[in-house]
Amino acid sequence: RGIAPGNGTLVSAVHTAVGILPVVA
């Protein structure tokens, strides 16, 4: 039914909260 938020939005939220960029596999 259209476009939904992807995993990148969650990654961004965690990055903002902890201040560390993740290693992306």
mmCIF file of all heavy atoms, coordinates in Angstrom:
data_MODEL
# 
_entry.id   MODEL 
# 
loop_
_atom_site.group_PDB 
_atom_site.id 
_atom_site.type_symbol 
_atom_site.label_atom_id 
_atom_site.label_alt_id 
_atom_site.label_comp_id 
_atom_site.label_asym_id 
_atom_site.label_entity_id 
_atom_site.label_seq_id 
_atom_site.pdbx_PDB_ins_code 
_atom_site.Cartn_x 
_atom_site.Cartn_y 
_atom_site.Cartn_z 
_atom_site.occupancy 
_atom_site.B_iso_or_equiv 
_atom_site.pdbx_formal_charge 
_atom_site.auth_seq_id 
_atom_site.auth_comp_id 
_atom_site.auth_asym_id 
_atom_site.auth_atom_id 
_atom_site.pdbx_PDB_model_num 
ATOM 1   N N   . ARG A 1 1  ? 0.810  -1.220 0.000  1.00 0.00 ? 1  ARG A N   1 
ATOM 2   C CA  . ARG A 1 1  ? 0.000  0.000  0.000  1.00 0.00 ? 1  ARG A CA  1 
ATOM 3   C C   . ARG A 1 1  ? 0.843  1.270  0.000  1.00 0.00 ? 1  ARG A C   1 
ATOM 4   O O   . ARG A 1 1  ? 0.419  2.313  0.466  1.00 0.00 ? 1  ARG A O   1 
ATOM 5   C CB  . ARG A 1 1  ? -0.947 -0.004 1.188  1.00 0.00 ? 1  ARG A CB  1 
ATOM 6   C CG  . ARG A 1 1  ? -1.950 -1.126 1.084  1.00 0.00 ? 1  ARG A CG  1 
ATOM 7   C CD  . ARG A 1 1  ? -3.068 -1.054 2.059  1.00 0.00 ? 1  ARG A CD  1 
ATOM 8   N NE  . ARG A 1 1  ? -2.643 -0.786 3.429  1.00 0.00 ? 1  ARG A NE  1 
ATOM 9   C CZ  . ARG A 1 1  ? -3.470 -0.732 4.441  1.00 0.00 ? 1  ARG A CZ  1 
ATOM 10  N NH1 . ARG A 1 1  ? -4.757 -0.897 4.240  1.00 0.00 ? 1  ARG A NH1 1 
ATOM 11  N NH2 . ARG A 1 1  ? -3.020 -0.497 5.648  1.00 0.00 ? 1  ARG A NH2 1 
ATOM 12  N N   . GLY A 1 2  ? 2.055  1.191  -0.505 1.00 0.00 ? 2  GLY A N   1 
ATOM 13  C CA  . GLY A 1 2  ? 2.890  2.387  -0.601 1.00 0.00 ? 2  GLY A CA  1 
ATOM 14  C C   . GLY A 1 2  ? 4.264  2.183  0.010  1.00 0.00 ? 2  GLY A C   1 
ATOM 15  O O   . GLY A 1 2  ? 4.788  1.083  0.051  1.00 0.00 ? 2  GLY A O   1 
ATOM 16  N N   . ILE A 1 3  ? 4.835  3.270  0.502  1.00 0.00 ? 3  ILE A N   1 
ATOM 17  C CA  . ILE A 1 3  ? 6.186  3.256  1.043  1.00 0.00 ? 3  ILE A CA  1 
ATOM 18  C C   . ILE A 1 3  ? 6.124  3.358  2.565  1.00 0.00 ? 3  ILE A C   1 
ATOM 19  O O   . ILE A 1 3  ? 5.355  4.143  3.112  1.00 0.00 ? 3  ILE A O   1 
ATOM 20  C CB  . ILE A 1 3  ? 6.991  4.431  0.448  1.00 0.00 ? 3  ILE A CB  1 
ATOM 21  C CG1 . ILE A 1 3  ? 7.117  4.239  -1.073 1.00 0.00 ? 3  ILE A CG1 1 
ATOM 22  C CG2 . ILE A 1 3  ? 8.363  4.532  1.082  1.00 0.00 ? 3  ILE A CG2 1 
ATOM 23  C CD1 . ILE A 1 3  ? 7.707  5.417  -1.785 1.00 0.00 ? 3  ILE A CD1 1 
ATOM 24  N N   . ALA A 1 4  ? 6.954  2.561  3.228  1.00 0.00 ? 4  ALA A N   1 
ATOM 25  C CA  . ALA A 1 4  ? 7.008  2.560  4.690  1.00 0.00 ? 4  ALA A CA  1 
ATOM 26  C C   . ALA A 1 4  ? 8.435  2.875  5.139  1.00 0.00 ? 4  ALA A C   1 
ATOM 27  O O   . ALA A 1 4  ? 9.384  2.721  4.373  1.00 0.00 ? 4  ALA A O   1 
ATOM 28  C CB  . ALA A 1 4  ? 6.584  1.194  5.223  1.00 0.00 ? 4  ALA A CB  1 
ATOM 29  N N   . PRO A 1 5  ? 8.598  3.324  6.385  1.00 0.00 ? 5  PRO A N   1 
ATOM 30  C CA  . PRO A 1 5  ? 9.952  3.575  6.897  1.00 0.00 ? 5  PRO A CA  1 
ATOM 31  C C   . PRO A 1 5  ? 10.783 2.286  6.884  1.00 0.00 ? 5  PRO A C   1 
ATOM 32  O O   . PRO A 1 5  ? 10.279 1.217  7.225  1.00 0.00 ? 5  PRO A O   1 
ATOM 33  C CB  . PRO A 1 5  ? 9.712  4.051  8.335  1.00 0.00 ? 5  PRO A CB  1 
ATOM 34  C CG  . PRO A 1 5  ? 8.291  4.509  8.358  1.00 0.00 ? 5  PRO A CG  1 
ATOM 35  C CD  . PRO A 1 5  ? 7.566  3.663  7.357  1.00 0.00 ? 5  PRO A CD  1 
ATOM 36  N N   . GLY A 1 6  ? 12.039 2.418  6.514  1.00 0.00 ? 6  GLY A N   1 
ATOM 37  C CA  . GLY A 1 6  ? 12.929 1.272  6.460  1.00 0.00 ? 6  GLY A CA  1 
ATOM 38  C C   . GLY A 1 6  ? 13.851 1.205  7.663  1.00 0.00 ? 6  GLY A C   1 
ATOM 39  O O   . GLY A 1 6  ? 13.781 2.029  8.587  1.00 0.00 ? 6  GLY A O   1 
ATOM 40  N N   . ASN A 1 7  ? 14.739 0.237  7.657  1.00 0.00 ? 7  ASN A N   1 
ATOM 41  C CA  . ASN A 1 7  ? 15.671 0.011  8.761  1.00 0.00 ? 7  ASN A CA  1 
ATOM 42  C C   . ASN A 1 7  ? 16.565 1.230  9.020  1.00 0.00 ? 7  ASN A C   1 
ATOM 43  O O   . ASN A 1 7  ? 16.980 1.474  10.147 1.00 0.00 ? 7  ASN A O   1 
ATOM 44  C CB  . ASN A 1 7  ? 16.523 -1.229 8.461  1.00 0.00 ? 7  ASN A CB  1 
ATOM 45  C CG  . ASN A 1 7  ? 17.296 -1.700 9.661  1.00 0.00 ? 7  ASN A CG  1 
ATOM 46  O OD1 . ASN A 1 7  ? 16.711 -1.945 10.702 1.00 0.00 ? 7  ASN A OD1 1 
ATOM 47  N ND2 . ASN A 1 7  ? 18.598 -1.822 9.520  1.00 0.00 ? 7  ASN A ND2 1 
ATOM 48  N N   . GLY A 1 8  ? 16.865 1.996  7.988  1.00 0.00 ? 8  GLY A N   1 
ATOM 49  C CA  . GLY A 1 8  ? 17.711 3.172  8.151  1.00 0.00 ? 8  GLY A CA  1 
ATOM 50  C C   . GLY A 1 8  ? 17.150 4.178  9.132  1.00 0.00 ? 8  GLY A C   1 
ATOM 51  O O   . GLY A 1 8  ? 17.906 4.878  9.821  1.00 0.00 ? 8  GLY A O   1 
ATOM 52  N N   . THR A 1 9  ? 15.831 4.261  9.232  1.00 0.00 ? 9  THR A N   1 
ATOM 53  C CA  . THR A 1 9  ? 15.232 5.185  10.204 1.00 0.00 ? 9  THR A CA  1 
ATOM 54  C C   . THR A 1 9  ? 15.514 4.725  11.624 1.00 0.00 ? 9  THR A C   1 
ATOM 55  O O   . THR A 1 9  ? 15.777 5.548  12.503 1.00 0.00 ? 9  THR A O   1 
ATOM 56  C CB  . THR A 1 9  ? 13.710 5.324  9.977  1.00 0.00 ? 9  THR A CB  1 
ATOM 57  O OG1 . THR A 1 9  ? 13.089 4.046  10.108 1.00 0.00 ? 9  THR A OG1 1 
ATOM 58  C CG2 . THR A 1 9  ? 13.412 5.905  8.611  1.00 0.00 ? 9  THR A CG2 1 
ATOM 59  N N   . LEU A 1 10 ? 15.491 3.428  11.852 1.00 0.00 ? 10 LEU A N   1 
ATOM 60  C CA  . LEU A 1 10 ? 15.808 2.887  13.178 1.00 0.00 ? 10 LEU A CA  1 
ATOM 61  C C   . LEU A 1 10 ? 17.291 3.050  13.498 1.00 0.00 ? 10 LEU A C   1 
ATOM 62  O O   . LEU A 1 10 ? 17.662 3.397  14.626 1.00 0.00 ? 10 LEU A O   1 
ATOM 63  C CB  . LEU A 1 10 ? 15.403 1.415  13.269 1.00 0.00 ? 10 LEU A CB  1 
ATOM 64  C CG  . LEU A 1 10 ? 13.925 1.127  13.077 1.00 0.00 ? 10 LEU A CG  1 
ATOM 65  C CD1 . LEU A 1 10 ? 13.679 -0.372 13.011 1.00 0.00 ? 10 LEU A CD1 1 
ATOM 66  C CD2 . LEU A 1 10 ? 13.110 1.758  14.189 1.00 0.00 ? 10 LEU A CD2 1 
ATOM 67  N N   . VAL A 1 11 ? 18.124 2.792  12.498 1.00 0.00 ? 11 VAL A N   1 
ATOM 68  C CA  . VAL A 1 11 ? 19.571 2.967  12.672 1.00 0.00 ? 11 VAL A CA  1 
ATOM 69  C C   . VAL A 1 11 ? 19.875 4.417  13.036 1.00 0.00 ? 11 VAL A C   1 
ATOM 70  O O   . VAL A 1 11 ? 20.678 4.699  13.931 1.00 0.00 ? 11 VAL A O   1 
ATOM 71  C CB  . VAL A 1 11 ? 20.341 2.536  11.404 1.00 0.00 ? 11 VAL A CB  1 
ATOM 72  C CG1 . VAL A 1 11 ? 21.810 2.909  11.487 1.00 0.00 ? 11 VAL A CG1 1 
ATOM 73  C CG2 . VAL A 1 11 ? 20.180 1.035  11.165 1.00 0.00 ? 11 VAL A CG2 1 
ATOM 74  N N   . SER A 1 12 ? 19.217 5.332  12.365 1.00 0.00 ? 12 SER A N   1 
ATOM 75  C CA  . SER A 1 12 ? 19.418 6.756  12.640 1.00 0.00 ? 12 SER A CA  1 
ATOM 76  C C   . SER A 1 12 ? 18.984 7.120  14.059 1.00 0.00 ? 12 SER A C   1 
ATOM 77  O O   . SER A 1 12 ? 19.656 7.900  14.742 1.00 0.00 ? 12 SER A O   1 
ATOM 78  C CB  . SER A 1 12 ? 18.645 7.594  11.623 1.00 0.00 ? 12 SER A CB  1 
ATOM 79  O OG  . SER A 1 12 ? 18.857 8.959  11.858 1.00 0.00 ? 12 SER A OG  1 
ATOM 80  N N   . ALA A 1 13 ? 17.872 6.559  14.508 1.00 0.00 ? 13 ALA A N   1 
ATOM 81  C CA  . ALA A 1 13 ? 17.394 6.842  15.865 1.00 0.00 ? 13 ALA A CA  1 
ATOM 82  C C   . ALA A 1 13 ? 18.390 6.346  16.915 1.00 0.00 ? 13 ALA A C   1 
ATOM 83  O O   . ALA A 1 13 ? 18.703 7.063  17.876 1.00 0.00 ? 13 ALA A O   1 
ATOM 84  C CB  . ALA A 1 13 ? 16.028 6.198  16.089 1.00 0.00 ? 13 ALA A CB  1 
ATOM 85  N N   . VAL A 1 14 ? 18.911 5.140  16.720 1.00 0.00 ? 14 VAL A N   1 
ATOM 86  C CA  . VAL A 1 14 ? 19.892 4.599  17.675 1.00 0.00 ? 14 VAL A CA  1 
ATOM 87  C C   . VAL A 1 14 ? 21.175 5.414  17.621 1.00 0.00 ? 14 VAL A C   1 
ATOM 88  O O   . VAL A 1 14 ? 21.759 5.746  18.658 1.00 0.00 ? 14 VAL A O   1 
ATOM 89  C CB  . VAL A 1 14 ? 20.158 3.096  17.407 1.00 0.00 ? 14 VAL A CB  1 
ATOM 90  C CG1 . VAL A 1 14 ? 21.303 2.583  18.264 1.00 0.00 ? 14 VAL A CG1 1 
ATOM 91  C CG2 . VAL A 1 14 ? 18.897 2.283  17.631 1.00 0.00 ? 14 VAL A CG2 1 
ATOM 92  N N   . HIS A 1 15 ? 21.622 5.774  16.426 1.00 0.00 ? 15 HIS A N   1 
ATOM 93  C CA  . HIS A 1 15 ? 22.816 6.601  16.270 1.00 0.00 ? 15 HIS A CA  1 
ATOM 94  C C   . HIS A 1 15 ? 22.655 7.925  17.011 1.00 0.00 ? 15 HIS A C   1 
ATOM 95  O O   . HIS A 1 15 ? 23.558 8.379  17.724 1.00 0.00 ? 15 HIS A O   1 
ATOM 96  C CB  . HIS A 1 15 ? 23.110 6.849  14.798 1.00 0.00 ? 15 HIS A CB  1 
ATOM 97  C CG  . HIS A 1 15 ? 24.055 7.967  14.541 1.00 0.00 ? 15 HIS A CG  1 
ATOM 98  N ND1 . HIS A 1 15 ? 23.690 9.118  13.915 1.00 0.00 ? 15 HIS A ND1 1 
ATOM 99  C CD2 . HIS A 1 15 ? 25.370 8.128  14.865 1.00 0.00 ? 15 HIS A CD2 1 
ATOM 100 C CE1 . HIS A 1 15 ? 24.716 9.945  13.852 1.00 0.00 ? 15 HIS A CE1 1 
ATOM 101 N NE2 . HIS A 1 15 ? 25.747 9.367  14.418 1.00 0.00 ? 15 HIS A NE2 1 
ATOM 102 N N   . THR A 1 16 ? 21.501 8.544  16.863 1.00 0.00 ? 16 THR A N   1 
ATOM 103 C CA  . THR A 1 16 ? 21.238 9.814  17.541 1.00 0.00 ? 16 THR A CA  1 
ATOM 104 C C   . THR A 1 16 ? 21.255 9.631  19.053 1.00 0.00 ? 16 THR A C   1 
ATOM 105 O O   . THR A 1 16 ? 21.801 10.465 19.786 1.00 0.00 ? 16 THR A O   1 
ATOM 106 C CB  . THR A 1 16 ? 19.885 10.393 17.085 1.00 0.00 ? 16 THR A CB  1 
ATOM 107 O OG1 . THR A 1 16 ? 19.938 10.593 15.659 1.00 0.00 ? 16 THR A OG1 1 
ATOM 108 C CG2 . THR A 1 16 ? 19.591 11.721 17.758 1.00 0.00 ? 16 THR A CG2 1 
ATOM 109 N N   . ALA A 1 17 ? 20.692 8.533  19.524 1.00 0.00 ? 17 ALA A N   1 
ATOM 110 C CA  . ALA A 1 17 ? 20.609 8.288  20.966 1.00 0.00 ? 17 ALA A CA  1 
ATOM 111 C C   . ALA A 1 17 ? 21.967 7.990  21.599 1.00 0.00 ? 17 ALA A C   1 
ATOM 112 O O   . ALA A 1 17 ? 22.253 8.459  22.699 1.00 0.00 ? 17 ALA A O   1 
ATOM 113 C CB  . ALA A 1 17 ? 19.645 7.135  21.244 1.00 0.00 ? 17 ALA A CB  1 
ATOM 114 N N   . VAL A 1 18 ? 22.810 7.217  20.909 1.00 0.00 ? 18 VAL A N   1 
ATOM 115 C CA  . VAL A 1 18 ? 24.082 6.803  21.516 1.00 0.00 ? 18 VAL A CA  1 
ATOM 116 C C   . VAL A 1 18 ? 25.293 7.581  20.997 1.00 0.00 ? 18 VAL A C   1 
ATOM 117 O O   . VAL A 1 18 ? 26.369 7.502  21.573 1.00 0.00 ? 18 VAL A O   1 
ATOM 118 C CB  . VAL A 1 18 ? 24.330 5.285  21.344 1.00 0.00 ? 18 VAL A CB  1 
ATOM 119 C CG1 . VAL A 1 18 ? 23.228 4.481  21.998 1.00 0.00 ? 18 VAL A CG1 1 
ATOM 120 C CG2 . VAL A 1 18 ? 24.484 4.903  19.882 1.00 0.00 ? 18 VAL A CG2 1 
ATOM 121 N N   . GLY A 1 19 ? 25.108 8.293  19.886 1.00 0.00 ? 19 GLY A N   1 
ATOM 122 C CA  . GLY A 1 19 ? 26.194 9.113  19.355 1.00 0.00 ? 19 GLY A CA  1 
ATOM 123 C C   . GLY A 1 19 ? 27.297 8.340  18.659 1.00 0.00 ? 19 GLY A C   1 
ATOM 124 O O   . GLY A 1 19 ? 28.402 8.852  18.486 1.00 0.00 ? 19 GLY A O   1 
ATOM 125 N N   . ILE A 1 20 ? 27.018 7.103  18.233 1.00 0.00 ? 20 ILE A N   1 
ATOM 126 C CA  . ILE A 1 20 ? 28.018 6.277  17.558 1.00 0.00 ? 20 ILE A CA  1 
ATOM 127 C C   . ILE A 1 20 ? 27.408 5.721  16.277 1.00 0.00 ? 20 ILE A C   1 
ATOM 128 O O   . ILE A 1 20 ? 26.292 5.199  16.298 1.00 0.00 ? 20 ILE A O   1 
ATOM 129 C CB  . ILE A 1 20 ? 28.471 5.100  18.463 1.00 0.00 ? 20 ILE A CB  1 
ATOM 130 C CG1 . ILE A 1 20 ? 29.097 5.633  19.749 1.00 0.00 ? 20 ILE A CG1 1 
ATOM 131 C CG2 . ILE A 1 20 ? 29.448 4.185  17.728 1.00 0.00 ? 20 ILE A CG2 1 
ATOM 132 C CD1 . ILE A 1 20 ? 29.361 4.553  20.783 1.00 0.00 ? 20 ILE A CD1 1 
ATOM 133 N N   . LEU A 1 21 ? 28.152 5.840  15.182 1.00 0.00 ? 21 LEU A N   1 
ATOM 134 C CA  . LEU A 1 21 ? 27.701 5.242  13.926 1.00 0.00 ? 21 LEU A CA  1 
ATOM 135 C C   . LEU A 1 21 ? 27.951 3.742  13.955 1.00 0.00 ? 21 LEU A C   1 
ATOM 136 O O   . LEU A 1 21 ? 29.009 3.287  14.404 1.00 0.00 ? 21 LEU A O   1 
ATOM 137 C CB  . LEU A 1 21 ? 28.437 5.862  12.740 1.00 0.00 ? 21 LEU A CB  1 
ATOM 138 C CG  . LEU A 1 21 ? 28.018 7.272  12.348 1.00 0.00 ? 21 LEU A CG  1 
ATOM 139 C CD1 . LEU A 1 21 ? 28.992 7.840  11.317 1.00 0.00 ? 21 LEU A CD1 1 
ATOM 140 C CD2 . LEU A 1 21 ? 26.607 7.264  11.783 1.00 0.00 ? 21 LEU A CD2 1 
ATOM 141 N N   . PRO A 1 22 ? 27.008 2.939  13.455 1.00 0.00 ? 22 PRO A N   1 
ATOM 142 C CA  . PRO A 1 22 ? 27.213 1.492  13.462 1.00 0.00 ? 22 PRO A CA  1 
ATOM 143 C C   . PRO A 1 22 ? 28.092 1.032  12.298 1.00 0.00 ? 22 PRO A C   1 
ATOM 144 O O   . PRO A 1 22 ? 28.277 1.758  11.319 1.00 0.00 ? 22 PRO A O   1 
ATOM 145 C CB  . PRO A 1 22 ? 25.798 0.949  13.281 1.00 0.00 ? 22 PRO A CB  1 
ATOM 146 C CG  . PRO A 1 22 ? 25.135 1.980  12.438 1.00 0.00 ? 22 PRO A CG  1 
ATOM 147 C CD  . PRO A 1 22 ? 25.695 3.296  12.925 1.00 0.00 ? 22 PRO A CD  1 
ATOM 148 N N   . VAL A 1 23 ? 28.604 -0.172 12.417 1.00 0.00 ? 23 VAL A N   1 
ATOM 149 C CA  . VAL A 1 23 ? 29.225 -0.850 11.290 1.00 0.00 ? 23 VAL A CA  1 
ATOM 150 C C   . VAL A 1 23 ? 28.064 -1.460 10.513 1.00 0.00 ? 23 VAL A C   1 
ATOM 151 O O   . VAL A 1 23 ? 27.221 -2.157 11.079 1.00 0.00 ? 23 VAL A O   1 
ATOM 152 C CB  . VAL A 1 23 ? 30.190 -1.963 11.772 1.00 0.00 ? 23 VAL A CB  1 
ATOM 153 C CG1 . VAL A 1 23 ? 30.673 -2.799 10.602 1.00 0.00 ? 23 VAL A CG1 1 
ATOM 154 C CG2 . VAL A 1 23 ? 31.339 -1.352 12.539 1.00 0.00 ? 23 VAL A CG2 1 
ATOM 155 N N   . VAL A 1 24 ? 27.992 -1.170 9.218  1.00 0.00 ? 24 VAL A N   1 
ATOM 156 C CA  . VAL A 1 24 ? 26.899 -1.686 8.392  1.00 0.00 ? 24 VAL A CA  1 
ATOM 157 C C   . VAL A 1 24 ? 27.384 -2.929 7.664  1.00 0.00 ? 24 VAL A C   1 
ATOM 158 O O   . VAL A 1 24 ? 28.387 -2.894 6.959  1.00 0.00 ? 24 VAL A O   1 
ATOM 159 C CB  . VAL A 1 24 ? 26.399 -0.621 7.394  1.00 0.00 ? 24 VAL A CB  1 
ATOM 160 C CG1 . VAL A 1 24 ? 25.271 -1.168 6.536  1.00 0.00 ? 24 VAL A CG1 1 
ATOM 161 C CG2 . VAL A 1 24 ? 25.950 0.634  8.140  1.00 0.00 ? 24 VAL A CG2 1 
ATOM 162 N N   . ALA A 1 25 ? 26.659 -4.034 7.849  1.00 0.00 ? 25 ALA A N   1 
ATOM 163 C CA  . ALA A 1 25 ? 27.065 -5.304 7.251  1.00 0.00 ? 25 ALA A CA  1 
ATOM 164 C C   . ALA A 1 25 ? 26.498 -5.505 5.851  1.00 0.00 ? 25 ALA A C   1 
ATOM 165 O O   . ALA A 1 25 ? 27.025 -6.282 5.076  1.00 0.00 ? 25 ALA A O   1 
ATOM 166 C CB  . ALA A 1 25 ? 26.607 -6.451 8.157  1.00 0.00 ? 25 ALA A CB  1 
# 
